[in-house]
Amino acid sequence: MSLRMRVHDREPIGAALRRFKKLLERSGLQKELRKRRHFEKPCEVRRRAELRKKSAIRKSGERKPGEGYGSGGGGPPAR
């Protein structure tokens, strides 16, 4: 995968560098390179995927402040 970016005339180098970094981040190339830096055994890949799935389930199940209990206070139920 190759990335191409044209630097405009009289564009400051800082702005061009910032655009390049955003392009790199959006393409996912940097993430892929980091992932491929070291070999990961298939069992480790499966384990990491399982942990990611469990984490997502846990995050989706968390209560937001004000939810539950019905009083809107977010605290324990009134006695």
Protein backbone atom coordinates (compact mmCIF):
# COMPACT_ATOMS: atom_id res chain seq x y z
CA MET A 1 0.00 0.00 0.00
CA SER A 2 1.49 3.30 -0.97
CA LEU A 3 0.40 6.69 0.26
CA ARG A 4 0.63 9.74 -1.94
CA MET A 5 0.38 13.30 -0.78
CA ARG A 6 1.01 16.41 -2.79
CA VAL A 7 2.57 19.33 -0.95
CA HIS A 8 1.00 22.58 -2.13
CA ASP A 9 3.05 25.58 -3.22
CA ARG A 10 4.06 27.79 -0.32
CA GLU A 11 2.51 25.37 2.19
CA PRO A 12 4.36 25.47 5.52
CA ILE A 13 6.26 22.27 6.25
CA GLY A 14 4.47 21.94 9.59
CA ALA A 15 1.06 21.93 7.91
CA ALA A 16 2.21 19.38 5.32
CA LEU A 17 3.61 17.16 8.06
CA ARG A 18 0.35 17.40 10.02
CA ARG A 19 -1.64 16.42 6.89
CA PHE A 20 0.72 13.49 6.29
CA LYS A 21 0.32 12.24 9.86
CA LYS A 22 -3.48 12.37 9.53
CA LEU A 23 -3.29 10.52 6.21
CA LEU A 24 -1.08 7.86 7.79
CA GLU A 25 -3.45 7.45 10.73
CA ARG A 26 -6.57 7.20 8.55
CA SER A 27 -4.98 4.61 6.26
CA GLY A 28 -4.23 2.28 9.19
CA LEU A 29 -0.71 1.68 7.85
CA GLN A 30 1.00 2.71 11.07
CA LYS A 31 -1.20 0.38 13.11
CA GLU A 32 -0.46 -2.48 10.71
CA LEU A 33 3.29 -1.88 10.91
CA ARG A 34 3.19 -1.85 14.70
CA LYS A 35 1.21 -5.09 14.66
CA ARG A 36 3.68 -6.80 12.33
CA ARG A 37 6.80 -5.67 14.18
CA HIS A 38 6.95 -9.01 16.05
CA PHE A 39 5.47 -12.36 15.13
CA GLU A 40 2.43 -13.29 17.14
CA LYS A 41 1.46 -16.93 17.48
CA PRO A 42 -2.06 -17.87 16.30
CA CYS A 43 -3.11 -18.79 19.84
CA GLU A 44 -2.07 -15.31 21.02
CA VAL A 45 -4.08 -13.72 18.21
CA ARG A 46 -7.16 -15.71 19.26
CA ARG A 47 -6.60 -14.84 22.92
CA ARG A 48 -6.29 -11.13 22.13
CA ALA A 49 -9.49 -11.25 20.03
CA GLU A 50 -11.35 -12.99 22.86
CA LEU A 51 -10.20 -10.39 25.40
CA ARG A 52 -11.23 -7.59 23.04
CA LYS A 53 -14.69 -9.16 22.64
CA LYS A 54 -15.14 -9.55 26.41
CA SER A 55 -14.02 -5.97 26.98
CA ALA A 56 -16.53 -4.67 24.43
CA ILE A 57 -19.33 -6.63 26.09
CA ARG A 58 -18.32 -5.32 29.51
CA LYS A 59 -18.22 -1.72 28.25
CA SER A 60 -21.63 -2.00 26.58
CA GLY A 61 -23.15 -3.43 29.77
CA GLU A 62 -21.96 -0.65 32.08
CA ARG A 63 -24.63 1.64 33.50
CA LYS A 64 -24.48 5.32 32.73
CA PRO A 65 -25.08 7.84 35.54
CA GLY A 66 -28.79 8.30 36.05
CA GLU A 67 -29.74 4.95 34.53
CA GLY A 68 -31.32 2.22 36.58
CA TYR A 69 -32.99 2.49 39.99
CA GLY A 70 -35.70 4.68 38.42
CA SER A 71 -35.21 7.71 40.67
CA GLY A 72 -32.86 9.44 38.26
CA GLY A 73 -30.37 10.07 41.02
CA GLY A 74 -27.91 7.38 40.05
CA GLY A 75 -27.43 6.28 43.63
CA PRO A 76 -28.80 3.34 45.58
CA PRO A 77 -32.57 3.02 45.94
CA ALA A 78 -34.24 5.16 48.59
CA ARG A 79 -35.53 3.34 51.69
